[in-house]
C-alpha atoms as a PDB file:
ATOM      1  CA  UNK A   1     191.662 213.750 170.011  1.00  0.00           C
ATOM      2  CA  UNK A   2     194.376 214.962 167.907  1.00  0.00           C
ATOM      3  CA  UNK A   3     197.467 212.770 167.428  1.00  0.00           C
ATOM      4  CA  UNK A   4     200.358 213.632 169.495  1.00  0.00           C
ATOM      5  CA  UNK A   5     203.438 214.939 167.837  1.00  0.00           C
ATOM      6  CA  UNK A   6     205.675 212.322 167.106  1.00  0.00           C
ATOM      7  CA  UNK A   7     209.499 213.014 168.180  1.00  0.00           C
ATOM      8  CA  UNK A   8     212.698 212.560 166.521  1.00  0.00           C
ATOM      9  CA  UNK A   9     214.573 210.447 168.709  1.00  0.00           C
ATOM     10  CA  UNK A  10     217.493 211.256 167.041  1.00  0.00           C
ATOM     11  CA  UNK A  11     216.652 215.340 167.632  1.00  0.00           C
ATOM     12  CA  UNK A  12     215.911 214.246 171.144  1.00  0.00           C
ATOM     13  CA  UNK A  13     219.484 212.684 171.938  1.00  0.00           C
ATOM     14  CA  UNK A  14     221.161 215.682 170.469  1.00  0.00           C
ATOM     15  CA  UNK A  15     219.351 218.167 172.402  1.00  0.00           C
ATOM     16  CA  UNK A  16     220.280 218.363 176.292  1.00  0.00           C
ATOM     17  CA  UNK A  17     217.613 217.938 178.905  1.00  0.00           C
ATOM     18  CA  UNK A  18     216.537 221.177 180.639  1.00  0.00           C
ATOM     19  CA  UNK A  19     217.164 221.828 184.125  1.00  0.00           C
ATOM     20  CA  UNK A  20     214.862 221.593 186.702  1.00  0.00           C
ATOM     21  CA  UNK A  21     212.656 224.834 187.638  1.00  0.00           C
ATOM     22  CA  UNK A  22     214.088 226.899 190.144  1.00  0.00           C
ATOM     23  CA  UNK A  23     217.804 228.097 190.762  1.00  0.00           C
ATOM     24  CA  UNK A  24     220.121 227.567 187.770  1.00  0.00           C
ATOM     25  CA  UNK A  25     223.595 225.974 188.355  1.00  0.00           C
ATOM     26  CA  UNK A  26     225.827 228.524 186.410  1.00  0.00           C
ATOM     27  CA  UNK A  27     228.790 226.767 186.157  1.00  0.00           C
ATOM     28  CA  UNK A  28     226.944 223.635 185.361  1.00  0.00           C
ATOM     29  CA  UNK A  29     225.284 225.241 182.590  1.00  0.00           C
ATOM     30  CA  UNK A  30     228.728 226.860 181.306  1.00  0.00           C
ATOM     31  CA  UNK A  31     230.457 223.353 181.396  1.00  0.00           C
ATOM     32  CA  UNK A  32     227.469 221.421 179.366  1.00  0.00           C
ATOM     33  CA  UNK A  33     227.100 224.258 176.738  1.00  0.00           C
ATOM     34  CA  UNK A  34     231.104 224.364 176.461  1.00  0.00           C
ATOM     35  CA  UNK A  35     231.102 220.658 175.885  1.00  0.00           C
ATOM     36  CA  UNK A  36     228.287 220.678 173.264  1.00  0.00           C
ATOM     37  CA  UNK A  37     230.464 223.398 171.493  1.00  0.00           C
ATOM     38  CA  UNK A  38     233.528 221.245 171.721  1.00  0.00           C
ATOM     39  CA  UNK A  39     232.006 218.330 170.696  1.00  0.00           C
ATOM     40  CA  UNK A  40     230.721 220.067 167.414  1.00  0.00           C
ATOM     41  CA  UNK A  41     233.806 221.685 166.949  1.00  0.00           C
ATOM     42  CA  UNK A  42     235.578 218.761 167.012  1.00  0.00           C
ATOM     43  CA  UNK A  43     233.222 217.189 164.885  1.00  0.00           C
ATOM     44  CA  UNK A  44     233.067 219.641 162.256  1.00  0.00           C
ATOM     45  CA  UNK A  45     236.593 219.847 162.529  1.00  0.00           C
ATOM     46  CA  UNK A  46     237.305 215.880 161.282  1.00  0.00           C
ATOM     47  CA  UNK A  47     234.894 216.422 158.699  1.00  0.00           C
ATOM     48  CA  UNK A  48     236.717 219.478 157.536  1.00  0.00           C
ATOM     49  CA  UNK A  49     239.772 217.562 157.443  1.00  0.00           C
ATOM     50  CA  UNK A  50     239.003 214.754 155.536  1.00  0.00           C
ATOM     51  CA  UNK A  51     236.847 217.035 152.768  1.00  0.00           C
ATOM     52  CA  UNK A  52     240.451 218.578 152.218  1.00  0.00           C
ATOM     53  CA  UNK A  53     242.228 215.637 152.056  1.00  0.00           C
ATOM     54  CA  UNK A  54     239.751 214.218 149.783  1.00  0.00           C
ATOM     55  CA  UNK A  55     240.160 217.776 147.537  1.00  0.00           C
ATOM     56  CA  UNK A  56     243.915 217.359 147.415  1.00  0.00           C
ATOM     57  CA  UNK A  57     243.377 213.897 146.114  1.00  0.00           C
ATOM     58  CA  UNK A  58     240.786 214.770 143.707  1.00  0.00           C
ATOM     59  CA  UNK A  59     243.382 217.606 142.545  1.00  0.00           C
ATOM     60  CA  UNK A  60     246.207 215.358 142.299  1.00  0.00           C
ATOM     61  CA  UNK A  61     244.345 212.650 140.077  1.00  0.00           C
ATOM     62  CA  UNK A  62     242.864 214.759 137.681  1.00  0.00           C
ATOM     63  CA  UNK A  63     246.335 217.035 137.145  1.00  0.00           C
ATOM     64  CA  UNK A  64     248.184 213.593 136.882  1.00  0.00           C
ATOM     65  CA  UNK A  65     245.782 211.573 134.825  1.00  0.00           C
ATOM     66  CA  UNK A  66     244.208 214.202 132.619  1.00  0.00           C
ATOM     67  CA  UNK A  67     246.713 217.411 131.955  1.00  0.00           C
ATOM     68  CA  UNK A  68     249.938 215.497 132.128  1.00  0.00           C
ATOM     69  CA  UNK A  69     249.098 212.240 130.376  1.00  0.00           C
ATOM     70  CA  UNK A  70     250.566 210.904 127.349  1.00  0.00           C
ATOM     71  CA  UNK A  71     252.864 213.435 125.170  1.00  0.00           C
ATOM     72  CA  UNK A  72     251.709 216.532 127.482  1.00  0.00           C
ATOM     73  CA  UNK A  73     254.235 214.775 130.500  1.00  0.00           C
ATOM     74  CA  UNK A  74     257.233 216.415 128.455  1.00  0.00           C
ATOM     75  CA  UNK A  75     255.993 219.872 129.581  1.00  0.00           C
ATOM     76  CA  UNK A  76     254.438 218.987 132.569  1.00  0.00           C
ATOM     77  CA  UNK A  77     256.299 220.854 135.074  1.00  0.00           C
ATOM     78  CA  UNK A  78     255.710 224.164 132.942  1.00  0.00           C
ATOM     79  CA  UNK A  79     251.745 223.046 133.216  1.00  0.00           C
ATOM     80  CA  UNK A  80     252.161 222.827 136.827  1.00  0.00           C
ATOM     81  CA  UNK A  81     254.062 226.294 137.490  1.00  0.00           C
ATOM     82  CA  UNK A  82     251.204 227.890 135.321  1.00  0.00           C
ATOM     83  CA  UNK A  83     248.405 226.305 137.313  1.00  0.00           C
ATOM     84  CA  UNK A  84     250.098 226.824 140.473  1.00  0.00           C
ATOM     85  CA  UNK A  85     250.368 230.397 139.605  1.00  0.00           C
ATOM     86  CA  UNK A  86     246.665 230.860 138.625  1.00  0.00           C
ATOM     87  CA  UNK A  87     245.083 228.864 141.658  1.00  0.00           C
ATOM     88  CA  UNK A  88     247.647 230.616 144.541  1.00  0.00           C
ATOM     89  CA  UNK A  89     246.432 233.999 143.504  1.00  0.00           C
ATOM     90  CA  UNK A  90     242.783 232.933 143.766  1.00  0.00           C
ATOM     91  CA  UNK A  91     242.974 230.100 146.860  1.00  0.00           C
ATOM     92  CA  UNK A  92     246.444 231.365 148.582  1.00  0.00           C
ATOM     93  CA  UNK A  93     249.618 229.443 149.526  1.00  0.00           C
ATOM     94  CA  UNK A  94     248.096 225.571 149.375  1.00  0.00           C
ATOM     95  CA  UNK A  95     248.430 225.501 145.969  1.00  0.00           C
ATOM     96  CA  UNK A  96     251.948 226.230 145.705  1.00  0.00           C
ATOM     97  CA  UNK A  97     253.896 224.159 142.987  1.00  0.00           C
ATOM     98  CA  UNK A  98     255.733 222.107 145.254  1.00  0.00           C
ATOM     99  CA  UNK A  99     252.068 221.471 146.985  1.00  0.00           C
ATOM    100  CA  UNK A 100     250.248 220.435 143.651  1.00  0.00           C
ATOM    101  CA  UNK A 101     253.261 217.972 142.685  1.00  0.00           C
ATOM    102  CA  UNK A 102     252.880 216.410 146.404  1.00  0.00           C
ATOM    103  CA  UNK A 103     249.362 216.153 145.400  1.00  0.00           C
ATOM    104  CA  UNK A 104     249.579 214.317 142.157  1.00  0.00           C
ATOM    105  CA  UNK A 105     252.398 211.816 143.910  1.00  0.00           C
ATOM    106  CA  UNK A 106     249.459 211.050 146.580  1.00  0.00           C
ATOM    107  CA  UNK A 107     246.852 210.279 144.187  1.00  0.00           C
ATOM    108  CA  UNK A 108     249.587 208.411 142.335  1.00  0.00           C
ATOM    109  CA  UNK A 109     250.215 206.513 145.603  1.00  0.00           C
ATOM    110  CA  UNK A 110     247.204 206.165 146.969  1.00  0.00           C
ATOM    111  CA  UNK A 111     245.131 205.195 143.366  1.00  0.00           C
ATOM    112  CA  UNK A 112     241.951 203.854 145.164  1.00  0.00           C
ATOM    113  CA  UNK A 113     239.188 206.783 146.604  1.00  0.00           C
ATOM    114  CA  UNK A 114     237.808 204.369 148.521  1.00  0.00           C
ATOM    115  CA  UNK A 115     240.743 203.798 150.713  1.00  0.00           C
ATOM    116  CA  UNK A 116     241.484 207.388 150.771  1.00  0.00           C
ATOM    117  CA  UNK A 117     238.221 207.829 152.216  1.00  0.00           C
ATOM    118  CA  UNK A 118     238.251 205.584 154.725  1.00  0.00           C
ATOM    119  CA  UNK A 119     241.675 206.828 155.946  1.00  0.00           C
ATOM    120  CA  UNK A 120     240.764 210.490 155.971  1.00  0.00           C
ATOM    121  CA  UNK A 121     237.982 209.536 158.437  1.00  0.00           C
ATOM    122  CA  UNK A 122     241.619 209.641 161.125  1.00  0.00           C
ATOM    123  CA  UNK A 123     244.284 210.990 159.382  1.00  0.00           C
ATOM    124  CA  UNK A 124     245.031 214.664 158.278  1.00  0.00           C
ATOM    125  CA  UNK A 125     246.766 215.793 155.312  1.00  0.00           C
ATOM    126  CA  UNK A 126     249.990 216.093 157.579  1.00  0.00           C
ATOM    127  CA  UNK A 127     249.677 212.591 158.375  1.00  0.00           C
ATOM    128  CA  UNK A 128     249.594 211.490 154.467  1.00  0.00           C
ATOM    129  CA  UNK A 129     252.355 213.869 153.775  1.00  0.00           C
ATOM    130  CA  UNK A 130     254.870 212.264 156.112  1.00  0.00           C
ATOM    131  CA  UNK A 131     253.675 208.788 154.690  1.00  0.00           C
ATOM    132  CA  UNK A 132     254.203 209.965 151.092  1.00  0.00           C
ATOM    133  CA  UNK A 133     258.352 209.468 151.346  1.00  0.00           C
ATOM    134  CA  UNK A 134     258.126 205.989 151.933  1.00  0.00           C
ATOM    135  CA  UNK A 135     259.667 203.505 149.958  1.00  0.00           C
ATOM    136  CA  UNK A 136     256.968 200.833 149.268  1.00  0.00           C
ATOM    137  CA  UNK A 137     253.425 200.948 149.078  1.00  0.00           C
ATOM    138  CA  UNK A 138     253.656 198.007 151.926  1.00  0.00           C
ATOM    139  CA  UNK A 139     254.972 200.275 154.114  1.00  0.00           C
ATOM    140  CA  UNK A 140     252.852 203.205 153.356  1.00  0.00           C
ATOM    141  CA  UNK A 141     249.681 201.056 153.831  1.00  0.00           C
ATOM    142  CA  UNK A 142     250.839 199.918 157.154  1.00  0.00           C
ATOM    143  CA  UNK A 143     251.665 203.087 158.621  1.00  0.00           C
ATOM    144  CA  UNK A 144     248.479 204.787 157.315  1.00  0.00           C
ATOM    145  CA  UNK A 145     246.227 201.762 158.447  1.00  0.00           C
ATOM    146  CA  UNK A 146     247.961 201.506 161.844  1.00  0.00           C
ATOM    147  CA  UNK A 147     247.968 205.370 162.643  1.00  0.00           C
ATOM    148  CA  UNK A 148     244.364 205.683 161.547  1.00  0.00           C
ATOM    149  CA  UNK A 149     243.712 202.307 163.779  1.00  0.00           C
ATOM    150  CA  UNK A 150     244.953 203.658 166.923  1.00  0.00           C
ATOM    151  CA  UNK A 151     244.490 207.398 166.412  1.00  0.00           C
ATOM    152  CA  UNK A 152     247.917 208.132 166.118  1.00  0.00           C
ATOM    153  CA  UNK A 153     248.705 212.269 166.166  1.00  0.00           C
ATOM    154  CA  UNK A 154     251.433 213.193 163.584  1.00  0.00           C
ATOM    155  CA  UNK A 155     254.053 213.202 166.098  1.00  0.00           C
ATOM    156  CA  UNK A 156     253.396 209.852 166.909  1.00  0.00           C
ATOM    157  CA  UNK A 157     253.431 208.857 163.405  1.00  0.00           C
ATOM    158  CA  UNK A 158     256.639 210.072 162.901  1.00  0.00           C
ATOM    159  CA  UNK A 159     258.130 208.414 165.887  1.00  0.00           C
ATOM    160  CA  UNK A 160     257.010 205.076 164.233  1.00  0.00           C
ATOM    161  CA  UNK A 161     258.203 205.933 161.058  1.00  0.00           C
ATOM    162  CA  UNK A 162     261.205 206.834 162.850  1.00  0.00           C
ATOM    163  CA  UNK A 163     262.241 203.513 164.856  1.00  0.00           C
ATOM    164  CA  UNK A 164     260.902 201.630 161.564  1.00  0.00           C
ATOM    165  CA  UNK A 165     258.243 199.981 163.168  1.00  0.00           C
ATOM    166  CA  UNK A 166     257.456 198.265 159.852  1.00  0.00           C
ATOM    167  CA  UNK A 167     260.820 197.039 158.755  1.00  0.00           C
ATOM    168  CA  UNK A 168     261.295 195.761 162.352  1.00  0.00           C
ATOM    169  CA  UNK A 169     257.749 193.827 162.032  1.00  0.00           C
ATOM    170  CA  UNK A 170     258.902 192.384 159.030  1.00  0.00           C
ATOM    171  CA  UNK A 171     261.930 191.335 160.372  1.00  0.00           C
ATOM    172  CA  UNK A 172     260.261 189.876 163.240  1.00  0.00           C
ATOM    173  CA  UNK A 173     257.779 187.797 160.950  1.00  0.00           C
ATOM    174  CA  UNK A 174     261.064 186.291 159.061  1.00  0.00           C
ATOM    175  CA  UNK A 175     261.967 184.483 162.028  1.00  0.00           C
ATOM    176  CA  UNK A 176     258.878 182.966 162.953  1.00  0.00           C
ATOM    177  CA  UNK A 177     258.668 179.348 161.359  1.00  0.00           C
ATOM    178  CA  UNK A 178     256.405 178.078 158.548  1.00  0.00           C
ATOM    179  CA  UNK A 179     254.472 175.925 161.443  1.00  0.00           C
ATOM    180  CA  UNK A 180     254.497 178.280 164.278  1.00  0.00           C
ATOM    181  CA  UNK A 181     251.088 178.716 165.804  1.00  0.00           C
ATOM    182  CA  UNK A 182     252.019 182.608 166.532  1.00  0.00           C
ATOM    183  CA  UNK A 183     250.449 184.518 163.969  1.00  0.00           C
ATOM    184  CA  UNK A 184     252.473 186.726 162.108  1.00  0.00           C
ATOM    185  CA  UNK A 185     252.490 190.738 163.024  1.00  0.00           C
ATOM    186  CA  UNK A 186     252.189 189.791 166.425  1.00  0.00           C
ATOM    187  CA  UNK A 187     255.458 190.593 168.014  1.00  0.00           C
ATOM    188  CA  UNK A 188     258.052 192.965 166.644  1.00  0.00           C
ATOM    189  CA  UNK A 189     261.730 192.128 166.412  1.00  0.00           C
ATOM    190  CA  UNK A 190     263.391 192.198 169.884  1.00  0.00           C
ATOM    191  CA  UNK A 191     263.276 195.536 171.855  1.00  0.00           C
ATOM    192  CA  UNK A 192     265.581 197.914 171.469  1.00  0.00           C
ATOM    193  CA  UNK A 193     267.062 199.144 174.990  1.00  0.00           C
ATOM    194  CA  UNK A 194     268.093 202.944 173.537  1.00  0.00           C
ATOM    195  CA  UNK A 195     264.662 204.116 174.375  1.00  0.00           C
ATOM    196  CA  UNK A 196     265.057 202.986 177.665  1.00  0.00           C
ATOM    197  CA  UNK A 197     268.442 205.204 177.932  1.00  0.00           C
ATOM    198  CA  UNK A 198     270.605 202.488 179.473  1.00  0.00           C
ATOM    199  CA  UNK A 199     274.398 202.262 179.515  1.00  0.00           C
ATOM    200  CA  UNK A 200     276.616 199.333 178.262  1.00  0.00           C
ATOM    201  CA  UNK A 201     277.166 197.725 181.781  1.00  0.00           C
ATOM    202  CA  UNK A 202     273.514 198.151 183.049  1.00  0.00           C
ATOM    203  CA  UNK A 203     272.248 195.181 185.699  1.00  0.00           C
ATOM    204  CA  UNK A 204     268.901 192.888 185.322  1.00  0.00           C
ATOM    205  CA  UNK A 205     267.574 195.200 187.903  1.00  0.00           C
ATOM    206  CA  UNK A 206     268.149 198.263 185.875  1.00  0.00           C
ATOM    207  CA  UNK A 207     266.925 196.570 182.930  1.00  0.00           C
ATOM    208  CA  UNK A 208     263.411 195.628 184.830  1.00  0.00           C
ATOM    209  CA  UNK A 209     263.442 199.082 186.707  1.00  0.00           C
ATOM    210  CA  UNK A 210     263.616 200.690 183.109  1.00  0.00           C
ATOM    211  CA  UNK A 211     261.106 198.683 181.864  1.00  0.00           C
ATOM    212  CA  UNK A 212     258.758 199.428 184.220  1.00  0.00           C
ATOM    213  CA  UNK A 213     259.144 203.215 183.704  1.00  0.00           C
ATOM    214  CA  UNK A 214     258.677 203.061 180.149  1.00  0.00           C
ATOM    215  CA  UNK A 215     256.220 200.579 180.161  1.00  0.00           C
ATOM    216  CA  UNK A 216     253.522 202.074 177.759  1.00  0.00           C
ATOM    217  CA  UNK A 217     256.505 202.247 175.438  1.00  0.00           C
ATOM    218  CA  UNK A 218     257.685 198.853 176.220  1.00  0.00           C
ATOM    219  CA  UNK A 219     254.379 197.222 175.210  1.00  0.00           C
ATOM    220  CA  UNK A 220     254.136 198.771 172.186  1.00  0.00           C
ATOM    221  CA  UNK A 221     257.054 197.950 170.785  1.00  0.00           C
ATOM    222  CA  UNK A 222     255.838 194.395 171.891  1.00  0.00           C
ATOM    223  CA  UNK A 223     253.249 194.978 169.583  1.00  0.00           C
ATOM    224  CA  UNK A 224     249.293 195.192 169.443  1.00  0.00           C
ATOM    225  CA  UNK A 225     247.193 193.349 171.830  1.00  0.00           C
ATOM    226  CA  UNK A 226     249.366 193.334 174.990  1.00  0.00           C
ATOM    227  CA  UNK A 227     248.620 194.040 178.584  1.00  0.00           C
ATOM    228  CA  UNK A 228     250.411 194.503 181.932  1.00  0.00           C
ATOM    229  CA  UNK A 229     249.856 191.954 184.165  1.00  0.00           C
ATOM    230  CA  UNK A 230     252.678 191.442 186.786  1.00  0.00           C
ATOM    231  CA  UNK A 231     256.126 192.603 187.468  1.00  0.00           C
ATOM    232  CA  UNK A 232     258.204 189.728 189.889  1.00  0.00           C
ATOM    233  CA  UNK A 233     255.406 187.810 190.227  1.00  0.00           C
ATOM    234  CA  UNK A 234     255.655 185.122 192.904  1.00  0.00           C
ATOM    235  CA  UNK A 235     254.857 181.463 192.165  1.00  0.00           C
ATOM    236  CA  UNK A 236     255.332 178.643 194.827  1.00  0.00           C
ATOM    237  CA  UNK A 237     256.324 174.806 193.884  1.00  0.00           C
ATOM    238  CA  UNK A 238     256.895 172.350 196.731  1.00  0.00           C
ATOM    239  CA  UNK A 239     257.330 174.992 198.969  1.00  0.00           C
ATOM    240  CA  UNK A 240     260.059 176.800 196.601  1.00  0.00           C
ATOM    241  CA  UNK A 241     259.830 180.258 195.578  1.00  0.00           C
ATOM    242  CA  UNK A 242     260.010 181.649 192.312  1.00  0.00           C
ATOM    243  CA  UNK A 243     259.843 185.244 190.844  1.00  0.00           C
ATOM    244  CA  UNK A 244     258.865 185.783 187.585  1.00  0.00           C
ATOM    245  CA  UNK A 245     260.335 188.842 185.795  1.00  0.00           C
ATOM    246  CA  UNK A 246     257.413 190.531 184.008  1.00  0.00           C
ATOM    247  CA  UNK A 247     254.052 188.977 182.708  1.00  0.00           C
ATOM    248  CA  UNK A 248     251.947 190.141 179.923  1.00  0.00           C
ATOM    249  CA  UNK A 249     248.726 189.048 178.763  1.00  0.00           C
ATOM    250  CA  UNK A 250     247.697 189.208 175.094  1.00  0.00           C
ATOM    251  CA  UNK A 251     244.326 189.760 174.230  1.00  0.00           C
ATOM    252  CA  UNK A 252     243.906 188.400 170.693  1.00  0.00           C
ATOM    253  CA  UNK A 253     245.954 185.137 171.368  1.00  0.00           C
ATOM    254  CA  UNK A 254     244.476 184.947 174.913  1.00  0.00           C
ATOM    255  CA  UNK A 255     247.570 183.674 176.482  1.00  0.00           C
ATOM    256  CA  UNK A 256     249.763 184.719 179.127  1.00  0.00           C
ATOM    257  CA  UNK A 257     253.494 186.209 177.770  1.00  0.00           C
ATOM    258  CA  UNK A 258     256.420 185.743 180.376  1.00  0.00           C
ATOM    259  CA  UNK A 259     259.186 187.844 180.195  1.00  0.00           C
ATOM    260  CA  UNK A 260     262.796 186.565 182.445  1.00  0.00           C
ATOM    261  CA  UNK A 261     265.476 189.160 182.001  1.00  0.00           C
ATOM    262  CA  UNK A 262     268.895 187.546 182.066  1.00  0.00           C
ATOM    263  CA  UNK A 263     272.300 189.192 180.682  1.00  0.00           C
ATOM    264  CA  UNK A 264     274.876 187.607 178.900  1.00  0.00           C
ATOM    265  CA  UNK A 265     274.696 183.966 176.859  1.00  0.00           C
ATOM    266  CA  UNK A 266     271.467 181.299 177.455  1.00  0.00           C
ATOM    267  CA  UNK A 267     272.439 179.104 180.185  1.00  0.00           C
ATOM    268  CA  UNK A 268     271.221 175.434 180.671  1.00  0.00           C
ATOM    269  CA  UNK A 269     269.661 175.978 183.819  1.00  0.00           C
ATOM    270  CA  UNK A 270     267.295 178.670 182.414  1.00  0.00           C
ATOM    271  CA  UNK A 271     265.560 176.024 180.785  1.00  0.00           C
ATOM    272  CA  UNK A 272     264.736 174.351 184.252  1.00  0.00           C
ATOM    273  CA  UNK A 273     262.417 177.529 185.515  1.00  0.00           C
ATOM    274  CA  UNK A 274     261.080 177.923 182.023  1.00  0.00           C
ATOM    275  CA  UNK A 275     259.795 174.572 181.902  1.00  0.00           C
ATOM    276  CA  UNK A 276     258.194 174.969 185.207  1.00  0.00           C
ATOM    277  CA  UNK A 277     256.594 178.643 184.535  1.00  0.00           C
ATOM    278  CA  UNK A 278     254.879 177.025 181.185  1.00  0.00           C
ATOM    279  CA  UNK A 279     253.902 173.841 183.206  1.00  0.00           C
ATOM    280  CA  UNK A 280     252.532 176.173 185.915  1.00  0.00           C
END
């Protein structure tokens, strides 16, 4: 008996199963084929984006390390201008002088191709263009890795940069005691209320309402790993009722994070309530 042809499991997984014999659901057929097309288009787009970013890195690396090396740096601008004119005539405006200069800067600030290759799987060239003007290597790497890890779009990345997320995180780390059991980078600095649109004369109830309305943004300001658990959490002890304004859970620390909203200076009686909450 002839040996049966072995099926490639990977190929089989890529080909959708055919509909049963009989009438064909035309709408279902259209949706399935459209899903295949969209999936492949997205994957092709991601692959093309990665190759374009790596191409720009290679161009910048070559021009920066070979053509502008050593004594040639004195007339480097003229070399770039001439090269730009030649490339633009053949490949279009993507290789204008300012853009080649940006590619050179890209390769200089991100000198390791392995890191660029990994980041470019999630980040587009537009992401990198917004990251390049940042002042320090640490800041650039933070925003790049954060955007890649959370799959942030360009607009979301710009929002993080404009709100100085990295700088505020560093300030929060400095305020942690060296002996603290809380890891660095878990919390950001105290939440800025401007995103909530509150005026100077807001009340605690207004603050809580604004936080709940912008809950996703509030959690992102806290840092990574936080999930919302409850608001106005009722707690009973010896027949007395207590309410906790906001309760979060941190998946990495595996701890609840309680938030009690108060206006004005700290008062000694607040400590008693916190001791009760922590002991509960």
